[in-house]
């Protein structure tokens, strides 16, 4: 992040207080540096308000021996305001720490980018470097809010993924172009690599069984594809290249003479499988915090082994069978719904057709043979032959009234529009009427023959024609 992007407050026009303060801090760091703690710094010779630093991950953490690059820009009012820090290691994919964002943001309270103890004028560049290094802890996921006490599978998986990415990304930074501000530290970065080359190879042995596998970070979602054979090849090629550069070799020798914990020859040799006789991937000689092997995350995908291939095949077969079962169930359900809908629609259509046909024939065939004022003529608009029997009672009631027999006409049996079911047997006088007997016999015979409930369950064309023909017989039967 350049000064112009930070605003005029970081344009390099340092106040007198800021200039004196930075000169004093540089002298203090040169006299009593942080190299023994794995922190190397460099102030820009041209722009004194800019600095860079290399922070080596502590042993026992997922960042062990890997170099991490940071860039700093000091404000004009320093030390009244904190410097701006940018994390410069990464490929834009890996979230190396909850406080180190993939876009370079460093989330730290002393820098004013996080809640907590804030910056004061007594704070120094040294305290900023130590605070950043403290983020590279054994369980980095615990730095994430809400996961302060996380010790389960997610914590183990995130740490394991960081151990691999520290080798695949951070340790191999020299295989990619460096930002211009880090060029003065290129040889130092190469020397750090040479001092820790054997440690890198030994740590990589932990992932030998994970070739071709994938892990998804449980919190930040980035995916690590394990390819330790490729990483090992890149490490060896970079070592061969650096050994041809006398400056890098000379700096590496100087670091070994200083016996720095993060670059000591003894530690590197103790970690080397060649010198200890241990096979790659052995836990012997590995720091206690680094003995946790790669966690098998929920999103782990199979690698190219026979067992993993069979597991994939079984998974595919289960998915296919599940899809087939689901398809059959859906087809059966849709078929049942369609069949029921079709049956209801057909039944309703045929029933309406039958009733309409019967009613139409009653009106067309029987109606013309009756007087216009006849009670039966009005009742022919009803859709079934049983209405003829009811209509006769209404007709008989009018007949009694016309003859002056008001006692019978006012009988309670005539007060309802529909006679009771046993009305025929309760009126013995009506049985003596030949007109009633004839009509009742015709209606009952035709009803039993064609208009019963069972007949309406048969709706083929032959039955429809038969029902229609029956209604045409009524005028002939009544005229006999």
Protein backbone atom coordinates (compact mmCIF):
# COMPACT_ATOMS: atom_id res chain seq x y z
CA UNK A 1 0.00 0.00 0.00
CA UNK A 2 1.69 3.22 -1.13
CA UNK A 3 1.66 6.52 0.70
CA UNK A 4 -0.62 8.10 -1.90
CA UNK A 5 -3.23 5.49 -1.17
CA UNK A 6 -3.12 6.26 2.55
CA UNK A 7 -3.71 9.99 2.17
CA UNK A 8 -1.76 13.15 2.73
CA UNK A 9 -1.08 12.18 6.35
CA UNK A 10 1.38 9.55 5.06
CA UNK A 11 3.01 11.56 2.25
CA UNK A 12 6.47 11.54 3.88
CA UNK A 13 6.50 15.16 5.04
CA UNK A 14 7.50 14.16 8.54
CA UNK A 15 7.39 16.66 11.34
CA UNK A 16 10.54 17.41 13.29
CA UNK A 17 9.26 15.32 16.18
CA UNK A 18 8.51 12.41 13.89
CA UNK A 19 11.92 12.55 12.23
CA UNK A 20 13.78 12.59 15.54
CA UNK A 21 11.63 9.81 16.94
CA UNK A 22 12.21 7.53 13.93
CA UNK A 23 15.97 8.15 13.97
CA UNK A 24 16.09 7.27 17.65
CA UNK A 25 14.09 4.07 17.14
CA UNK A 26 16.27 3.01 14.19
CA UNK A 27 19.37 3.46 16.31
CA UNK A 28 17.81 1.48 19.13
CA UNK A 29 16.85 -1.40 16.83
CA UNK A 30 20.30 -1.45 15.21
CA UNK A 31 21.93 -1.62 18.62
CA UNK A 32 19.55 -4.11 20.19
CA UNK A 33 17.74 -5.81 17.37
CA UNK A 34 15.07 -8.49 17.32
CA UNK A 35 16.96 -10.99 15.18
CA UNK A 36 17.21 -13.46 18.06
CA UNK A 37 13.42 -13.53 18.09
CA UNK A 38 13.18 -14.08 14.34
CA UNK A 39 12.36 -10.47 13.36
CA UNK A 40 14.41 -8.58 10.74
CA UNK A 41 13.69 -5.01 9.68
CA UNK A 42 14.93 -2.46 7.16
CA UNK A 43 14.22 1.27 6.80
CA UNK A 44 14.11 2.77 3.34
CA UNK A 45 17.25 4.81 2.60
CA UNK A 46 15.40 7.28 0.38
CA UNK A 47 12.05 7.47 2.16
CA UNK A 48 12.69 7.41 5.92
CA UNK A 49 8.96 7.12 6.65
CA UNK A 50 8.88 3.64 5.09
CA UNK A 51 10.10 0.34 6.49
CA UNK A 52 9.78 -3.37 5.85
CA UNK A 53 10.16 -6.40 8.09
CA UNK A 54 10.55 -10.18 7.91
CA UNK A 55 8.94 -12.07 10.78
CA UNK A 56 9.81 -15.78 11.01
CA UNK A 57 7.14 -18.06 12.44
CA UNK A 58 7.97 -19.41 15.92
CA UNK A 59 8.83 -23.06 16.37
CA UNK A 60 5.89 -25.16 17.52
CA UNK A 61 3.36 -23.05 15.63
CA UNK A 62 1.81 -23.72 12.19
CA UNK A 63 4.05 -20.92 10.89
CA UNK A 64 7.30 -22.53 12.08
CA UNK A 65 10.42 -21.28 10.22
CA UNK A 66 8.39 -19.68 7.40
CA UNK A 67 9.14 -16.00 6.62
CA UNK A 68 6.30 -13.47 6.54
CA UNK A 69 6.72 -10.05 4.99
CA UNK A 70 5.26 -6.77 6.26
CA UNK A 71 5.44 -3.20 4.99
CA UNK A 72 5.07 -0.09 7.16
CA UNK A 73 4.42 3.56 6.46
CA UNK A 74 4.75 6.13 9.25
CA UNK A 75 2.47 9.17 9.44
CA UNK A 76 3.72 12.75 9.45
CA UNK A 77 2.59 13.16 13.06
CA UNK A 78 4.34 10.03 14.36
CA UNK A 79 4.32 9.04 17.24
CA UNK A 80 1.01 10.72 17.91
CA UNK A 81 -0.55 8.31 15.43
CA UNK A 82 0.40 4.68 14.71
CA UNK A 83 2.08 3.51 11.51
CA UNK A 84 0.13 1.75 8.76
CA UNK A 85 0.99 -1.94 8.35
CA UNK A 86 0.41 -4.18 5.33
CA UNK A 87 0.74 -7.95 5.21
CA UNK A 88 2.59 -8.83 1.99
CA UNK A 89 2.84 -12.64 2.10
CA UNK A 90 0.15 -14.61 0.34
CA UNK A 91 -1.45 -15.48 -2.94
CA UNK A 92 -4.81 -13.81 -2.31
CA UNK A 93 -6.33 -17.17 -1.39
CA UNK A 94 -4.99 -18.27 1.99
CA UNK A 95 -6.13 -16.54 5.17
CA UNK A 96 -2.94 -17.07 7.19
CA UNK A 97 -4.39 -15.64 10.39
CA UNK A 98 -7.70 -14.21 11.61
CA UNK A 99 -5.85 -10.89 12.04
CA UNK A 100 -4.01 -11.01 8.70
CA UNK A 101 -6.41 -10.48 5.81
CA UNK A 102 -5.85 -11.64 2.24
CA UNK A 103 -6.02 -8.00 1.07
CA UNK A 104 -3.06 -7.14 3.31
CA UNK A 105 -4.91 -5.58 6.24
CA UNK A 106 -3.32 -6.15 9.64
CA UNK A 107 -6.00 -6.21 12.32
CA UNK A 108 -4.31 -5.12 15.55
CA UNK A 109 -5.50 -2.86 18.36
CA UNK A 110 -2.15 -1.10 18.69
CA UNK A 111 -2.52 -0.03 15.04
CA UNK A 112 -6.04 1.23 15.59
CA UNK A 113 -7.59 -1.47 13.39
CA UNK A 114 -9.08 -3.57 16.20
CA UNK A 115 -10.65 -3.13 19.61
CA UNK A 116 -8.34 -3.26 22.60
CA UNK A 117 -5.33 -1.38 23.96
CA UNK A 118 -4.75 1.44 21.52
CA UNK A 119 -1.68 3.25 20.34
CA UNK A 120 -0.05 5.84 22.56
CA UNK A 121 2.88 8.16 21.99
CA UNK A 122 4.96 5.82 24.16
CA UNK A 123 4.41 2.94 21.73
CA UNK A 124 7.25 2.12 19.34
CA UNK A 125 7.98 0.32 16.11
CA UNK A 126 9.54 -2.45 18.21
CA UNK A 127 6.28 -3.00 20.06
CA UNK A 128 4.40 -3.18 16.75
CA UNK A 129 6.73 -5.90 15.43
CA UNK A 130 6.44 -7.95 18.62
CA UNK A 131 2.67 -7.58 18.65
CA UNK A 132 2.44 -8.88 15.09
CA UNK A 133 4.68 -11.83 15.89
CA UNK A 134 2.44 -12.70 18.83
CA UNK A 135 -0.36 -13.33 16.34
CA UNK A 136 1.58 -16.30 14.91
CA UNK A 137 0.53 -18.56 17.77
CA UNK A 138 0.07 -22.29 18.25
CA UNK A 139 -3.72 -22.13 17.73
CA UNK A 140 -4.30 -19.14 15.47
CA UNK A 141 -8.04 -19.83 15.13
CA UNK A 142 -8.42 -18.72 18.74
CA UNK A 143 -7.69 -15.17 17.56
CA UNK A 144 -11.04 -15.17 15.76
CA UNK A 145 -13.89 -13.65 17.81
CA UNK A 146 -16.20 -16.41 19.00
CA UNK A 147 -13.45 -19.05 18.78
CA UNK A 148 -11.29 -17.92 21.69
CA UNK A 149 -11.56 -21.34 23.35
CA UNK A 150 -11.64 -23.43 20.18
CA UNK A 151 -9.67 -26.67 20.56
CA UNK A 152 -11.63 -29.12 18.43
CA UNK A 153 -11.59 -30.37 14.87
CA UNK A 154 -11.88 -26.93 13.26
CA UNK A 155 -8.87 -25.66 15.16
CA UNK A 156 -6.78 -28.73 14.23
CA UNK A 157 -7.79 -28.56 10.58
CA UNK A 158 -7.02 -24.85 10.25
CA UNK A 159 -3.60 -25.31 11.89
CA UNK A 160 -2.79 -28.27 9.63
CA UNK A 161 -3.75 -26.30 6.53
CA UNK A 162 -1.55 -23.40 7.66
CA UNK A 163 1.41 -25.72 8.17
CA UNK A 164 1.11 -26.82 4.55
CA UNK A 165 0.46 -23.33 3.15
CA UNK A 166 3.43 -21.95 5.10
CA UNK A 167 5.61 -24.30 3.08
CA UNK A 168 3.78 -24.03 -0.25
CA UNK A 169 3.36 -20.23 -0.19
CA UNK A 170 5.46 -18.46 2.45
CA UNK A 171 8.66 -20.54 2.16
CA UNK A 172 8.61 -20.29 -1.65
CA UNK A 173 8.15 -16.52 -1.91
CA UNK A 174 11.47 -16.16 -3.70
CA UNK A 175 10.15 -18.20 -6.61
CA UNK A 176 7.88 -15.26 -7.41
CA UNK A 177 8.70 -11.59 -8.03
CA UNK A 178 9.23 -9.53 -4.88
CA UNK A 179 7.90 -6.03 -4.37
CA UNK A 180 10.57 -3.39 -4.92
CA UNK A 181 10.53 -2.36 -1.27
CA UNK A 182 11.72 -5.88 -0.29
CA UNK A 183 14.64 -6.02 -2.76
CA UNK A 184 17.17 -4.92 -0.11
CA UNK A 185 16.19 -7.99 1.89
CA UNK A 186 16.29 -10.50 -0.97
CA UNK A 187 19.64 -12.00 0.06
CA UNK A 188 18.51 -12.19 3.69
CA UNK A 189 15.34 -13.95 2.60
CA UNK A 190 17.43 -16.42 0.57
CA UNK A 191 19.71 -17.02 3.54
CA UNK A 192 16.75 -17.76 5.79
CA UNK A 193 15.56 -20.30 3.24
CA UNK A 194 18.96 -22.03 3.06
CA UNK A 195 19.19 -22.25 6.85
CA UNK A 196 15.76 -23.84 7.13
CA UNK A 197 15.69 -25.94 3.95
CA UNK A 198 15.94 -29.28 5.77
CA UNK A 199 13.30 -28.18 8.28
CA UNK A 200 10.95 -27.38 5.40
CA UNK A 201 11.48 -30.80 3.81
CA UNK A 202 10.96 -32.57 7.10
CA UNK A 203 7.73 -30.70 7.82
CA UNK A 204 6.53 -31.49 4.32
CA UNK A 205 6.76 -35.21 5.12
CA UNK A 206 3.65 -34.85 7.27
CA UNK A 207 1.60 -34.38 4.10
CA UNK A 208 3.06 -37.25 2.06
CA UNK A 209 -0.12 -39.32 2.48
CA UNK A 210 -2.34 -36.42 1.41
CA UNK A 211 -1.18 -36.19 -2.20
CA UNK A 212 -4.05 -34.99 -4.38
CA UNK A 213 -6.44 -34.38 -1.47
CA UNK A 214 -8.40 -31.24 -0.70
CA UNK A 215 -9.34 -29.50 2.54
CA UNK A 216 -11.73 -26.61 2.97
CA UNK A 217 -11.02 -24.16 5.77
CA UNK A 218 -13.90 -24.50 8.27
CA UNK A 219 -14.12 -20.76 9.03
CA UNK A 220 -12.74 -18.79 6.07
CA UNK A 221 -13.67 -21.17 3.27
CA UNK A 222 -10.43 -21.23 1.28
CA UNK A 223 -9.38 -24.59 -0.16
CA UNK A 224 -5.96 -26.20 0.13
CA UNK A 225 -5.02 -28.78 -2.46
CA UNK A 226 -2.19 -30.91 -1.12
CA UNK A 227 0.61 -31.47 -3.62
CA UNK A 228 3.67 -32.16 -1.45
CA UNK A 229 5.65 -33.74 -4.29
CA UNK A 230 5.44 -30.49 -6.28
CA UNK A 231 6.32 -28.39 -3.22
CA UNK A 232 9.34 -30.62 -2.53
CA UNK A 233 10.50 -30.18 -6.11
CA UNK A 234 10.12 -26.39 -5.84
CA UNK A 235 12.06 -26.35 -2.57
CA UNK A 236 14.93 -28.31 -4.10
CA UNK A 237 15.04 -26.15 -7.20
CA UNK A 238 15.07 -22.96 -5.13
CA UNK A 239 17.87 -24.34 -2.93
CA UNK A 240 19.96 -25.18 -5.99
CA UNK A 241 19.40 -21.67 -7.34
CA UNK A 242 20.32 -19.95 -4.07
CA UNK A 243 23.45 -22.04 -3.62
CA UNK A 244 24.72 -20.47 -6.84
CA UNK A 245 24.38 -16.99 -5.35
CA UNK A 246 27.43 -16.19 -3.18
CA UNK A 247 25.68 -13.30 -1.39
CA UNK A 248 22.85 -15.54 -0.14
CA UNK A 249 25.31 -18.24 0.95
CA UNK A 250 27.45 -15.70 2.80
CA UNK A 251 24.46 -14.27 4.67
CA UNK A 252 23.33 -17.80 5.55
CA UNK A 253 26.76 -18.57 7.03
CA UNK A 254 26.59 -15.36 9.04
CA UNK A 255 23.16 -16.32 10.40
CA UNK A 256 24.44 -19.73 11.43
CA UNK A 257 27.41 -18.16 13.24
CA UNK A 258 25.02 -15.97 15.19
CA UNK A 259 23.20 -19.13 16.30
CA UNK A 260 19.82 -17.57 15.80
CA UNK A 261 17.04 -19.94 17.01
CA UNK A 262 15.11 -19.48 13.78
CA UNK A 263 18.13 -20.12 11.55
CA UNK A 264 20.53 -22.28 13.54
CA UNK A 265 22.41 -25.05 11.78
CA UNK A 266 21.88 -27.42 14.70
CA UNK A 267 18.12 -27.15 14.60
CA UNK A 268 18.04 -27.52 10.86
CA UNK A 269 20.18 -30.63 11.00
CA UNK A 270 18.16 -32.09 13.86
CA UNK A 271 15.09 -31.77 11.68
CA UNK A 272 16.71 -33.31 8.66
CA UNK A 273 15.60 -36.86 7.97
CA UNK A 274 18.91 -37.51 6.19
CA UNK A 275 21.00 -36.86 9.30
CA UNK A 276 18.68 -38.40 11.92
CA UNK A 277 17.89 -41.49 9.87
CA UNK A 278 14.17 -40.91 10.23
CA UNK A 279 11.72 -41.41 7.42
CA UNK A 280 9.81 -38.50 6.01
CA UNK A 281 6.64 -37.85 7.91
CA UNK A 282 7.97 -39.22 11.22
CA UNK A 283 6.92 -37.35 14.33
CA UNK A 284 10.34 -37.72 15.97
CA UNK A 285 12.19 -34.44 16.13
CA UNK A 286 9.10 -32.45 15.30
CA UNK A 287 8.01 -29.87 17.90
CA UNK A 288 5.18 -31.02 20.14
CA UNK A 289 2.74 -28.49 18.73
CA UNK A 290 3.36 -29.68 15.18
CA UNK A 291 2.66 -33.38 15.74
CA UNK A 292 -0.99 -33.10 14.87
CA UNK A 293 -1.38 -34.59 11.43
CA UNK A 294 -3.70 -33.24 8.80
CA UNK A 295 -7.22 -33.33 10.14
CA UNK A 296 -9.76 -35.07 7.99
CA UNK A 297 -12.19 -32.27 7.41
CA UNK A 298 -15.82 -32.63 6.39
CA UNK A 299 -14.90 -31.37 2.92
CA UNK A 300 -11.98 -33.76 2.42
CA UNK A 301 -12.15 -35.24 -1.09
CA UNK A 302 -10.59 -38.55 -2.07
CA UNK A 303 -7.16 -38.84 -3.60
CA UNK A 304 -6.02 -41.21 -6.35
CA UNK A 305 -5.82 -44.43 -4.31
CA UNK A 306 -7.82 -47.62 -4.81
CA UNK A 307 -9.69 -47.17 -1.55
CA UNK A 308 -10.52 -43.59 -2.36
CA UNK A 309 -11.61 -44.56 -5.89
CA UNK A 310 -13.96 -47.20 -4.48
CA UNK A 311 -15.33 -44.70 -2.01
CA UNK A 312 -16.05 -42.30 -4.84
CA UNK A 313 -17.68 -45.07 -6.87
CA UNK A 314 -19.92 -46.07 -3.95
CA UNK A 315 -20.91 -42.46 -3.42
CA UNK A 316 -21.84 -42.08 -7.08
CA UNK A 317 -23.89 -45.29 -7.01
CA UNK A 318 -25.76 -44.17 -3.90
CA UNK A 319 -26.54 -40.83 -5.53
CA UNK A 320 -27.78 -42.56 -8.69
CA UNK A 321 -30.01 -44.94 -6.74
CA UNK A 322 -31.37 -42.08 -4.67
CA UNK A 323 -32.11 -40.11 -7.83
CA UNK A 324 -33.87 -43.12 -9.41
CA UNK A 325 -35.95 -43.73 -6.29
CA UNK A 326 -36.91 -40.09 -6.13
CA UNK A 327 -37.85 -40.10 -9.83
CA UNK A 328 -40.02 -43.21 -9.45
CA UNK A 329 -41.79 -41.76 -6.42
CA UNK A 330 -42.48 -38.50 -8.24
CA UNK A 331 -43.73 -40.34 -11.34
CA UNK A 332 -46.03 -42.55 -9.25
CA UNK A 333 -47.40 -39.54 -7.41
CA UNK A 334 -47.98 -37.57 -10.59
CA UNK A 335 -49.63 -40.60 -12.20
CA UNK A 336 -51.97 -41.06 -9.27
CA UNK A 337 -52.93 -37.41 -9.25
CA UNK A 338 -53.45 -37.36 -13.02
CA UNK A 339 -55.49 -40.58 -12.93
CA UNK A 340 -57.72 -39.28 -10.19
CA UNK A 341 -58.16 -35.94 -11.90
CA UNK A 342 -58.90 -37.66 -15.20
CA UNK A 343 -61.39 -40.05 -13.57
CA UNK A 344 -63.20 -37.23 -11.79
CA UNK A 345 -63.31 -35.13 -14.91
CA UNK A 346 -64.59 -38.03 -17.02
CA UNK A 347 -67.17 -39.00 -14.42
CA UNK A 348 -68.43 -35.45 -14.09
CA UNK A 349 -68.54 -34.98 -17.83
CA UNK A 350 -70.45 -38.21 -18.46
CA UNK A 351 -72.80 -37.60 -15.54
CA UNK A 352 -73.62 -34.14 -16.82
CA UNK A 353 -74.12 -35.54 -20.31
CA UNK A 354 -76.51 -38.26 -19.09
CA UNK A 355 -78.58 -35.92 -16.95
CA UNK A 356 -78.72 -33.26 -19.64
CA UNK A 357 -79.76 -35.83 -22.23
CA UNK A 358 -82.50 -37.25 -20.01
CA UNK A 359 -83.80 -33.81 -19.11
CA UNK A 360 -83.77 -32.72 -22.73
CA UNK A 361 -85.71 -35.81 -23.86
CA UNK A 362 -88.24 -35.36 -21.06
CA UNK A 363 -88.87 -31.83 -22.23
CA UNK A 364 -88.91 -32.67 -25.94
CA UNK A 365 -90.80 -36.03 -25.87
CA UNK A 366 -93.11 -35.86 -22.85
CA UNK A 367 -93.76 -32.14 -22.73
CA UNK A 368 -95.60 -31.80 -26.06
CA UNK A 369 -98.08 -34.54 -25.00
CA UNK A 370 -99.20 -32.71 -21.88
CA UNK A 371 -101.41 -29.65 -21.51
CA UNK A 372 -99.47 -26.40 -21.03
CA UNK A 373 -101.08 -25.86 -17.63
CA UNK A 374 -100.45 -29.41 -16.49
CA UNK A 375 -98.47 -29.68 -13.23
CA UNK A 376 -96.23 -32.35 -14.75
CA UNK A 377 -95.14 -29.96 -17.49
CA UNK A 378 -93.40 -27.67 -14.96
CA UNK A 379 -91.77 -30.54 -13.16
CA UNK A 380 -90.19 -31.93 -16.33
CA UNK A 381 -87.30 -29.46 -15.89
CA UNK A 382 -86.02 -31.71 -13.12
CA UNK A 383 -83.30 -34.14 -14.19
CA UNK A 384 -84.55 -37.57 -13.10
CA UNK A 385 -87.62 -39.70 -13.54
CA UNK A 386 -88.42 -39.82 -9.81
CA UNK A 387 -89.65 -36.21 -10.15
CA UNK A 388 -92.70 -37.53 -12.06
CA UNK A 389 -93.86 -39.37 -8.98
CA UNK A 390 -93.49 -36.20 -6.85
CA UNK A 391 -95.20 -34.10 -9.50
CA UNK A 392 -98.25 -36.37 -9.41
CA UNK A 393 -98.90 -35.47 -5.75
CA UNK A 394 -98.82 -31.75 -6.56
CA UNK A 395 -101.12 -32.43 -9.48
CA UNK A 396 -103.51 -34.46 -7.25
CA UNK A 397 -103.52 -31.67 -4.67
CA UNK A 398 -104.67 -29.18 -7.34
CA UNK A 399 -107.29 -31.74 -8.45
CA UNK A 400 -108.74 -32.00 -4.91
CA UNK A 401 -108.88 -28.22 -4.69
CA UNK A 402 -110.65 -28.01 -8.06
CA UNK A 403 -113.25 -30.59 -6.87
CA UNK A 404 -113.81 -28.67 -3.63
CA UNK A 405 -112.30 -31.34 -1.37
CA UNK A 406 -110.36 -28.88 0.73
CA UNK A 407 -109.89 -31.33 3.61
CA UNK A 408 -107.70 -33.52 1.47
CA UNK A 409 -106.07 -30.55 -0.23
CA UNK A 410 -105.12 -29.08 3.18
CA UNK A 411 -103.76 -32.40 4.44
CA UNK A 412 -100.30 -32.00 6.16
CA UNK A 413 -98.92 -34.41 3.58
CA UNK A 414 -99.32 -31.72 0.93
CA UNK A 415 -97.59 -28.92 2.90
CA UNK A 416 -94.10 -30.02 1.87
CA UNK A 417 -92.77 -29.82 -1.64
CA UNK A 418 -91.64 -33.45 -1.49
CA UNK A 419 -93.95 -36.18 -0.08
CA UNK A 420 -92.61 -38.54 2.55
CA UNK A 421 -91.17 -41.86 1.29
CA UNK A 422 -94.21 -43.82 2.52
CA UNK A 423 -96.80 -41.42 1.13
CA UNK A 424 -98.07 -43.98 -1.39
CA UNK A 425 -99.14 -46.43 1.27
CA UNK A 426 -100.64 -43.69 3.48
CA UNK A 427 -103.14 -42.61 0.84
CA UNK A 428 -105.38 -45.60 0.09
CA UNK A 429 -107.85 -43.46 -1.82
CA UNK A 430 -105.24 -42.43 -4.32
CA UNK A 431 -104.42 -46.05 -5.09
CA UNK A 432 -107.92 -46.30 -6.50
CA UNK A 433 -107.21 -43.62 -9.09
CA UNK A 434 -106.33 -45.31 -12.38
CA UNK A 435 -104.23 -42.31 -13.54
CA UNK A 436 -102.07 -42.48 -10.45
CA UNK A 437 -101.64 -46.24 -10.58
CA UNK A 438 -100.64 -46.12 -14.23
CA UNK A 439 -98.11 -43.33 -13.75
CA UNK A 440 -96.66 -44.89 -10.60
CA UNK A 441 -96.18 -48.28 -12.25
CA UNK A 442 -94.54 -46.75 -15.31
CA UNK A 443 -92.16 -44.61 -13.22
CA UNK A 444 -91.25 -47.42 -10.86
CA UNK A 445 -90.61 -49.85 -13.67
CA UNK A 446 -88.49 -47.44 -15.63
CA UNK A 447 -86.64 -46.33 -12.49
CA UNK A 448 -85.77 -49.88 -11.48
CA UNK A 449 -84.71 -50.68 -14.99
CA UNK A 450 -82.66 -47.66 -15.96
CA UNK A 451 -82.48 -44.92 -13.34
CA UNK A 452 -81.17 -46.75 -10.31
CA UNK A 453 -77.90 -45.66 -8.67
CA UNK A 454 -76.13 -48.65 -10.20
CA UNK A 455 -77.11 -47.56 -13.71
CA UNK A 456 -75.58 -44.13 -13.21
CA UNK A 457 -72.24 -45.78 -12.51
CA UNK A 458 -72.17 -47.04 -16.13
CA UNK A 459 -71.42 -44.25 -18.54
CA UNK A 460 -70.52 -45.85 -21.83
CA UNK A 461 -72.22 -44.77 -25.03
CA UNK A 462 -74.53 -47.82 -25.16
CA UNK A 463 -75.93 -47.07 -21.67
CA UNK A 464 -76.37 -43.44 -22.61
CA UNK A 465 -78.35 -44.37 -25.69
CA UNK A 466 -80.44 -46.83 -23.63
CA UNK A 467 -81.28 -44.20 -21.00
CA UNK A 468 -82.25 -41.73 -23.66
CA UNK A 469 -84.55 -44.25 -25.34
CA UNK A 470 -86.31 -44.95 -22.02
CA UNK A 471 -87.39 -41.34 -21.64
CA UNK A 472 -88.98 -41.58 -25.09
CA UNK A 473 -91.16 -44.48 -23.91
CA UNK A 474 -92.98 -42.43 -21.24
CA UNK A 475 -95.48 -40.71 -23.56
CA UNK A 476 -96.34 -44.08 -25.12
CA UNK A 477 -96.77 -45.72 -21.70
CA UNK A 478 -98.94 -42.89 -20.41
CA UNK A 479 -101.17 -43.00 -23.52
CA UNK A 480 -101.98 -46.69 -23.11
